[in-house]
Amino acid sequence: MHNKIFSGSLFDWLTGLFGDKLDFSLFTKEEINKIEFFFLSFSENTDESRKMGIDKNGLCLLVVYCFEGAQRKPEDIR
């Protein structure tokens, strides 16, 4: 999952993996880029295994990132 986040291809990969079961049309490309940047910065600065107990499940990791982002003010997510 980290490779997808670092390469900026996370949402493209998720769309390819889940097809029409996952819809990102609610977000603009700019918003997708902001979300990917937030995931990247969070990934680079967090030890998920130690802080969250996530070692191998990338989808659980993305859920944690989403919850973390939802708890922050929009202006804090750059």
PDB file of N, CA and C in Angstrom:
ATOM      1  N   MET A   1       0.827  -1.187   0.000  1.00  0.00           N
ATOM      2  CA  MET A   1       0.000   0.000   0.000  1.00  0.00           C
ATOM      3  C   MET A   1       0.875   1.255   0.000  1.00  0.00           C
ATOM      4  N   HIS A   2       1.968   1.198   0.747  1.00  0.00           N
ATOM      5  CA  HIS A   2       2.861   2.359   0.796  1.00  0.00           C
ATOM      6  C   HIS A   2       3.405   2.704  -0.588  1.00  0.00           C
ATOM      7  N   ASN A   3       3.693   1.689  -1.389  1.00  0.00           N
ATOM      8  CA  ASN A   3       4.200   1.945  -2.748  1.00  0.00           C
ATOM      9  C   ASN A   3       3.177   2.718  -3.574  1.00  0.00           C
ATOM     10  N   LYS A   4       1.913   2.366  -3.434  1.00  0.00           N
ATOM     11  CA  LYS A   4       0.858   3.071  -4.175  1.00  0.00           C
ATOM     12  C   LYS A   4       0.736   4.508  -3.693  1.00  0.00           C
ATOM     13  N   ILE A   5       0.854   4.704  -2.400  1.00  0.00           N
ATOM     14  CA  ILE A   5       0.775   6.057  -1.834  1.00  0.00           C
ATOM     15  C   ILE A   5       1.969   6.886  -2.303  1.00  0.00           C
ATOM     16  N   PHE A   6       3.177   6.322  -2.212  1.00  0.00           N
ATOM     17  CA  PHE A   6       4.389   7.063  -2.599  1.00  0.00           C
ATOM     18  C   PHE A   6       4.406   7.411  -4.080  1.00  0.00           C
ATOM     19  N   SER A   7       3.853   6.542  -4.915  1.00  0.00           N
ATOM     20  CA  SER A   7       3.876   6.790  -6.362  1.00  0.00           C
ATOM     21  C   SER A   7       2.736   7.691  -6.823  1.00  0.00           C
ATOM     22  N   GLY A   8       1.780   7.974  -5.938  1.00  0.00           N
ATOM     23  CA  GLY A   8       0.642   8.810  -6.317  1.00  0.00           C
ATOM     24  C   GLY A   8      -0.392   8.084  -7.154  1.00  0.00           C
ATOM     25  N   SER A   9      -0.358   6.760  -7.135  1.00  0.00           N
ATOM     26  CA  SER A   9      -1.281   5.971  -7.961  1.00  0.00           C
ATOM     27  C   SER A   9      -2.349   5.246  -7.145  1.00  0.00           C
ATOM     28  N   LEU A  10      -2.506   5.636  -5.893  1.00  0.00           N
ATOM     29  CA  LEU A  10      -3.419   4.923  -4.997  1.00  0.00           C
ATOM     30  C   LEU A  10      -4.846   4.883  -5.538  1.00  0.00           C
ATOM     31  N   PHE A  11      -5.397   6.027  -5.900  1.00  0.00           N
ATOM     32  CA  PHE A  11      -6.791   6.061  -6.330  1.00  0.00           C
ATOM     33  C   PHE A  11      -6.988   5.371  -7.674  1.00  0.00           C
ATOM     34  N   ASP A  12      -6.007   5.476  -8.555  1.00  0.00           N
ATOM     35  CA  ASP A  12      -6.084   4.736  -9.821  1.00  0.00           C
ATOM     36  C   ASP A  12      -6.066   3.235  -9.561  1.00  0.00           C
ATOM     37  N   TRP A  13      -5.210   2.812  -8.653  1.00  0.00           N
ATOM     38  CA  TRP A  13      -5.107   1.390  -8.306  1.00  0.00           C
ATOM     39  C   TRP A  13      -6.408   0.891  -7.675  1.00  0.00           C
ATOM     40  N   LEU A  14      -6.964   1.675  -6.743  1.00  0.00           N
ATOM     41  CA  LEU A  14      -8.222   1.282  -6.098  1.00  0.00           C
ATOM     42  C   LEU A  14      -9.356   1.185  -7.110  1.00  0.00           C
ATOM     43  N   THR A  15      -9.407   2.128  -8.044  1.00  0.00           N
ATOM     44  CA  THR A  15     -10.426   2.102  -9.085  1.00  0.00           C
ATOM     45  C   THR A  15     -10.269   0.861  -9.959  1.00  0.00           C
ATOM     46  N   GLY A  16      -9.029   0.526 -10.305  1.00  0.00           N
ATOM     47  CA  GLY A  16      -8.784  -0.675 -11.094  1.00  0.00           C
ATOM     48  C   GLY A  16      -9.140  -1.944 -10.337  1.00  0.00           C
ATOM     49  N   LEU A  17      -8.868  -1.950  -9.042  1.00  0.00           N
ATOM     50  CA  LEU A  17      -9.118  -3.128  -8.217  1.00  0.00           C
ATOM     51  C   LEU A  17     -10.613  -3.359  -7.972  1.00  0.00           C
ATOM     52  N   PHE A  18     -11.340  -2.292  -7.670  1.00  0.00           N
ATOM     53  CA  PHE A  18     -12.746  -2.430  -7.291  1.00  0.00           C
ATOM     54  C   PHE A  18     -13.727  -2.041  -8.387  1.00  0.00           C
ATOM     55  N   GLY A  19     -13.234  -1.463  -9.467  1.00  0.00           N
ATOM     56  CA  GLY A  19     -14.097  -1.115 -10.594  1.00  0.00           C
ATOM     57  C   GLY A  19     -15.240  -0.206 -10.207  1.00  0.00           C
ATOM     58  N   ASP A  20     -16.446  -0.569 -10.642  1.00  0.00           N
ATOM     59  CA  ASP A  20     -17.608   0.287 -10.384  1.00  0.00           C
ATOM     60  C   ASP A  20     -18.160   0.152  -8.966  1.00  0.00           C
ATOM     61  N   LYS A  21     -17.532  -0.650  -8.142  1.00  0.00           N
ATOM     62  CA  LYS A  21     -17.960  -0.788  -6.741  1.00  0.00           C
ATOM     63  C   LYS A  21     -17.440   0.363  -5.875  1.00  0.00           C
ATOM     64  N   LEU A  22     -16.526   1.137  -6.438  1.00  0.00           N
ATOM     65  CA  LEU A  22     -15.921   2.251  -5.710  1.00  0.00           C
ATOM     66  C   LEU A  22     -16.028   3.491  -6.587  1.00  0.00           C
ATOM     67  N   ASP A  23     -16.660   4.535  -6.063  1.00  0.00           N
ATOM     68  CA  ASP A  23     -16.935   5.726  -6.869  1.00  0.00           C
ATOM     69  C   ASP A  23     -16.278   6.946  -6.233  1.00  0.00           C
ATOM     70  N   PHE A  24     -15.318   7.520  -6.946  1.00  0.00           N
ATOM     71  CA  PHE A  24     -14.641   8.723  -6.464  1.00  0.00           C
ATOM     72  C   PHE A  24     -15.139   9.973  -7.178  1.00  0.00           C
ATOM     73  N   SER A  25     -16.236   9.875  -7.914  1.00  0.00           N
ATOM     74  CA  SER A  25     -16.719  11.018  -8.693  1.00  0.00           C
ATOM     75  C   SER A  25     -17.152  12.191  -7.823  1.00  0.00           C
ATOM     76  N   LEU A  26     -17.347  11.963  -6.551  1.00  0.00           N
ATOM     77  CA  LEU A  26     -17.697  13.038  -5.624  1.00  0.00           C
ATOM     78  C   LEU A  26     -16.551  14.043  -5.485  1.00  0.00           C
ATOM     79  N   PHE A  27     -15.326  13.584  -5.727  1.00  0.00           N
ATOM     80  CA  PHE A  27     -14.136  14.409  -5.518  1.00  0.00           C
ATOM     81  C   PHE A  27     -13.588  14.942  -6.841  1.00  0.00           C
ATOM     82  N   THR A  28     -13.085  16.168  -6.794  1.00  0.00           N
ATOM     83  CA  THR A  28     -12.377  16.716  -7.952  1.00  0.00           C
ATOM     84  C   THR A  28     -10.957  16.157  -7.961  1.00  0.00           C
ATOM     85  N   LYS A  29     -10.271  16.320  -9.081  1.00  0.00           N
ATOM     86  CA  LYS A  29      -8.875  15.862  -9.170  1.00  0.00           C
ATOM     87  C   LYS A  29      -8.015  16.574  -8.125  1.00  0.00           C
ATOM     88  N   GLU A  30      -8.283  17.856  -7.897  1.00  0.00           N
ATOM     89  CA  GLU A  30      -7.539  18.612  -6.885  1.00  0.00           C
ATOM     90  C   GLU A  30      -7.756  18.029  -5.488  1.00  0.00           C
ATOM     91  N   GLU A  31      -8.987  17.651  -5.182  1.00  0.00           N
ATOM     92  CA  GLU A  31      -9.278  17.049  -3.877  1.00  0.00           C
ATOM     93  C   GLU A  31      -8.608  15.684  -3.742  1.00  0.00           C
ATOM     94  N   ILE A  32      -8.616  14.910  -4.812  1.00  0.00           N
ATOM     95  CA  ILE A  32      -7.926  13.611  -4.800  1.00  0.00           C
ATOM     96  C   ILE A  32      -6.438  13.822  -4.530  1.00  0.00           C
ATOM     97  N   ASN A  33      -5.848  14.812  -5.176  1.00  0.00           N
ATOM     98  CA  ASN A  33      -4.429  15.114  -4.951  1.00  0.00           C
ATOM     99  C   ASN A  33      -4.163  15.513  -3.506  1.00  0.00           C
ATOM    100  N   LYS A  34      -5.068  16.297  -2.912  1.00  0.00           N
ATOM    101  CA  LYS A  34      -4.916  16.690  -1.505  1.00  0.00           C
ATOM    102  C   LYS A  34      -4.980  15.463  -0.594  1.00  0.00           C
ATOM    103  N   ILE A  35      -5.919  14.579  -0.879  1.00  0.00           N
ATOM    104  CA  ILE A  35      -6.067  13.365  -0.072  1.00  0.00           C
ATOM    105  C   ILE A  35      -4.821  12.496  -0.204  1.00  0.00           C
ATOM    106  N   GLU A  36      -4.328  12.323  -1.427  1.00  0.00           N
ATOM    107  CA  GLU A  36      -3.115  11.524  -1.630  1.00  0.00           C
ATOM    108  C   GLU A  36      -1.923  12.155  -0.909  1.00  0.00           C
ATOM    109  N   PHE A  37      -1.830  13.479  -0.943  1.00  0.00           N
ATOM    110  CA  PHE A  37      -0.730  14.148  -0.248  1.00  0.00           C
ATOM    111  C   PHE A  37      -0.855  13.955   1.264  1.00  0.00           C
ATOM    112  N   PHE A  38      -2.083  14.036   1.796  1.00  0.00           N
ATOM    113  CA  PHE A  38      -2.294  13.795   3.223  1.00  0.00           C
ATOM    114  C   PHE A  38      -1.889  12.368   3.583  1.00  0.00           C
ATOM    115  N   PHE A  39      -2.316  11.396   2.784  1.00  0.00           N
ATOM    116  CA  PHE A  39      -1.938  10.007   3.033  1.00  0.00           C
ATOM    117  C   PHE A  39      -0.422   9.849   2.996  1.00  0.00           C
ATOM    118  N   LEU A  40       0.220  10.502   2.036  1.00  0.00           N
ATOM    119  CA  LEU A  40       1.672  10.427   1.917  1.00  0.00           C
ATOM    120  C   LEU A  40       2.356  11.005   3.145  1.00  0.00           C
ATOM    121  N   SER A  41       1.958  12.196   3.559  1.00  0.00           N
ATOM    122  CA  SER A  41       2.602  12.811   4.718  1.00  0.00           C
ATOM    123  C   SER A  41       2.334  12.011   5.986  1.00  0.00           C
ATOM    124  N   PHE A  42       1.131  11.475   6.112  1.00  0.00           N
ATOM    125  CA  PHE A  42       0.807  10.663   7.285  1.00  0.00           C
ATOM    126  C   PHE A  42       1.624   9.377   7.277  1.00  0.00           C
ATOM    127  N   SER A  43       1.764   8.777   6.107  1.00  0.00           N
ATOM    128  CA  SER A  43       2.518   7.535   5.971  1.00  0.00           C
ATOM    129  C   SER A  43       3.997   7.731   6.298  1.00  0.00           C
ATOM    130  N   GLU A  44       4.544   8.856   5.858  1.00  0.00           N
ATOM    131  CA  GLU A  44       5.964   9.123   6.093  1.00  0.00           C
ATOM    132  C   GLU A  44       6.283   9.429   7.556  1.00  0.00           C
ATOM    133  N   ASN A  45       5.280   9.889   8.300  1.00  0.00           N
ATOM    134  CA  ASN A  45       5.536  10.350   9.666  1.00  0.00           C
ATOM    135  C   ASN A  45       4.906   9.497  10.752  1.00  0.00           C
ATOM    136  N   THR A  46       4.408   8.326  10.397  1.00  0.00           N
ATOM    137  CA  THR A  46       3.710   7.491  11.376  1.00  0.00           C
ATOM    138  C   THR A  46       4.208   6.048  11.302  1.00  0.00           C
ATOM    139  N   ASP A  47       4.429   5.471  12.454  1.00  0.00           N
ATOM    140  CA  ASP A  47       4.754   4.051  12.540  1.00  0.00           C
ATOM    141  C   ASP A  47       3.436   3.304  12.770  1.00  0.00           C
ATOM    142  N   GLU A  48       2.802   2.881  11.690  1.00  0.00           N
ATOM    143  CA  GLU A  48       1.473   2.273  11.773  1.00  0.00           C
ATOM    144  C   GLU A  48       1.457   1.015  12.630  1.00  0.00           C
ATOM    145  N   SER A  49       2.519   0.261  12.551  1.00  0.00           N
ATOM    146  CA  SER A  49       2.577  -0.976  13.324  1.00  0.00           C
ATOM    147  C   SER A  49       2.551  -0.678  14.826  1.00  0.00           C
ATOM    148  N   ARG A  50       3.321   0.291  15.223  1.00  0.00           N
ATOM    149  CA  ARG A  50       3.406   0.619  16.649  1.00  0.00           C
ATOM    150  C   ARG A  50       2.187   1.405  17.131  1.00  0.00           C
ATOM    151  N   LYS A  51       1.761   2.398  16.358  1.00  0.00           N
ATOM    152  CA  LYS A  51       0.685   3.286  16.822  1.00  0.00           C
ATOM    153  C   LYS A  51      -0.715   2.731  16.573  1.00  0.00           C
ATOM    154  N   MET A  52      -0.859   1.902  15.535  1.00  0.00           N
ATOM    155  CA  MET A  52      -2.201   1.460  15.153  1.00  0.00           C
ATOM    156  C   MET A  52      -2.367  -0.044  15.128  1.00  0.00           C
ATOM    157  N   GLY A  53      -1.280  -0.774  15.249  1.00  0.00           N
ATOM    158  CA  GLY A  53      -1.350  -2.226  15.238  1.00  0.00           C
ATOM    159  C   GLY A  53      -1.615  -2.809  13.859  1.00  0.00           C
ATOM    160  N   ILE A  54      -1.294  -2.052  12.806  1.00  0.00           N
ATOM    161  CA  ILE A  54      -1.529  -2.529  11.444  1.00  0.00           C
ATOM    162  C   ILE A  54      -0.193  -2.864  10.807  1.00  0.00           C
ATOM    163  N   ASP A  55      -0.040  -4.137  10.422  1.00  0.00           N
ATOM    164  CA  ASP A  55       1.216  -4.574   9.824  1.00  0.00           C
ATOM    165  C   ASP A  55       1.076  -4.925   8.346  1.00  0.00           C
ATOM    166  N   LYS A  56      -0.008  -5.614   7.979  1.00  0.00           N
ATOM    167  CA  LYS A  56      -0.068  -6.182   6.641  1.00  0.00           C
ATOM    168  C   LYS A  56      -1.356  -5.892   5.880  1.00  0.00           C
ATOM    169  N   ASN A  57      -2.326  -5.263   6.481  1.00  0.00           N
ATOM    170  CA  ASN A  57      -3.599  -5.067   5.799  1.00  0.00           C
ATOM    171  C   ASN A  57      -3.708  -3.629   5.300  1.00  0.00           C
ATOM    172  N   GLY A  58      -3.439  -3.441   4.025  1.00  0.00           N
ATOM    173  CA  GLY A  58      -3.435  -2.108   3.437  1.00  0.00           C
ATOM    174  C   GLY A  58      -4.786  -1.426   3.449  1.00  0.00           C
ATOM    175  N   LEU A  59      -5.868  -2.181   3.280  1.00  0.00           N
ATOM    176  CA  LEU A  59      -7.185  -1.557   3.290  1.00  0.00           C
ATOM    177  C   LEU A  59      -7.537  -1.044   4.681  1.00  0.00           C
ATOM    178  N   CYS A  60      -7.152  -1.772   5.714  1.00  0.00           N
ATOM    179  CA  CYS A  60      -7.347  -1.283   7.084  1.00  0.00           C
ATOM    180  C   CYS A  60      -6.540  -0.009   7.305  1.00  0.00           C
ATOM    181  N   LEU A  61      -5.356   0.032   6.750  1.00  0.00           N
ATOM    182  CA  LEU A  61      -4.513   1.210   6.861  1.00  0.00           C
ATOM    183  C   LEU A  61      -5.199   2.420   6.224  1.00  0.00           C
ATOM    184  N   LEU A  62      -5.801   2.243   5.060  1.00  0.00           N
ATOM    185  CA  LEU A  62      -6.501   3.341   4.404  1.00  0.00           C
ATOM    186  C   LEU A  62      -7.700   3.808   5.214  1.00  0.00           C
ATOM    187  N   VAL A  63      -8.387   2.884   5.861  1.00  0.00           N
ATOM    188  CA  VAL A  63      -9.513   3.257   6.718  1.00  0.00           C
ATOM    189  C   VAL A  63      -9.019   4.129   7.872  1.00  0.00           C
ATOM    190  N   VAL A  64      -7.903   3.743   8.473  1.00  0.00           N
ATOM    191  CA  VAL A  64      -7.321   4.539   9.558  1.00  0.00           C
ATOM    192  C   VAL A  64      -6.954   5.929   9.058  1.00  0.00           C
ATOM    193  N   TYR A  65      -6.339   6.007   7.881  1.00  0.00           N
ATOM    194  CA  TYR A  65      -5.984   7.306   7.306  1.00  0.00           C
ATOM    195  C   TYR A  65      -7.235   8.164   7.093  1.00  0.00           C
ATOM    196  N   CYS A  66      -8.314   7.548   6.627  1.00  0.00           N
ATOM    197  CA  CYS A  66      -9.565   8.289   6.420  1.00  0.00           C
ATOM    198  C   CYS A  66     -10.131   8.801   7.736  1.00  0.00           C
ATOM    199  N   PHE A  67     -10.125   7.952   8.754  1.00  0.00           N
ATOM    200  CA  PHE A  67     -10.604   8.393  10.070  1.00  0.00           C
ATOM    201  C   PHE A  67      -9.744   9.530  10.615  1.00  0.00           C
ATOM    202  N   GLU A  68      -8.447   9.418  10.444  1.00  0.00           N
ATOM    203  CA  GLU A  68      -7.532  10.466  10.893  1.00  0.00           C
ATOM    204  C   GLU A  68      -7.816  11.770  10.152  1.00  0.00           C
ATOM    205  N   GLY A  69      -8.006  11.691   8.850  1.00  0.00           N
ATOM    206  CA  GLY A  69      -8.315  12.881   8.069  1.00  0.00           C
ATOM    207  C   GLY A  69      -9.652  13.492   8.453  1.00  0.00           C
ATOM    208  N   ALA A  70     -10.638  12.660   8.766  1.00  0.00           N
ATOM    209  CA  ALA A  70     -11.969  13.149   9.148  1.00  0.00           C
ATOM    210  C   ALA A  70     -11.936  13.892  10.478  1.00  0.00           C
ATOM    211  N   GLN A  71     -10.965  13.596  11.316  1.00  0.00           N
ATOM    212  CA  GLN A  71     -10.865  14.244  12.615  1.00  0.00           C
ATOM    213  C   GLN A  71     -10.147  15.595  12.553  1.00  0.00           C
ATOM    214  N   ARG A  72      -9.565  15.899  11.419  1.00  0.00           N
ATOM    215  CA  ARG A  72      -8.800  17.149  11.276  1.00  0.00           C
ATOM    216  C   ARG A  72      -9.633  18.210  10.577  1.00  0.00           C
ATOM    217  N   LYS A  73      -9.275  19.448  10.830  1.00  0.00           N
ATOM    218  CA  LYS A  73      -9.920  20.560  10.126  1.00  0.00           C
ATOM    219  C   LYS A  73      -9.431  20.566   8.685  1.00  0.00           C
ATOM    220  N   PRO A  74     -10.300  20.932   7.745  1.00  0.00           N
ATOM    221  CA  PRO A  74      -9.894  20.921   6.327  1.00  0.00           C
ATOM    222  C   PRO A  74      -8.645  21.755   6.058  1.00  0.00           C
ATOM    223  N   GLU A  75      -8.480  22.861   6.741  1.00  0.00           N
ATOM    224  CA  GLU A  75      -7.289  23.694   6.496  1.00  0.00           C
ATOM    225  C   GLU A  75      -6.009  23.058   7.022  1.00  0.00           C
ATOM    226  N   ASP A  76      -6.122  22.058   7.882  1.00  0.00           N
ATOM    227  CA  ASP A  76      -4.936  21.350   8.380  1.00  0.00           C
ATOM    228  C   ASP A  76      -4.477  20.255   7.424  1.00  0.00           C
ATOM    229  N   ILE A  77      -5.309  19.927   6.447  1.00  0.00           N
ATOM    230  CA  ILE A  77      -4.973  18.905   5.462  1.00  0.00           C
ATOM    231  C   ILE A  77      -4.536  19.623   4.194  1.00  0.00           C
ATOM    232  N   ARG A  78      -3.250  19.605   3.934  1.00  0.00           N
ATOM    233  CA  ARG A  78      -2.719  20.332   2.769  1.00  0.00           C
ATOM    234  C   ARG A  78      -2.222  19.385   1.740  1.00  0.00           C
TER     235      ARG A  78
END
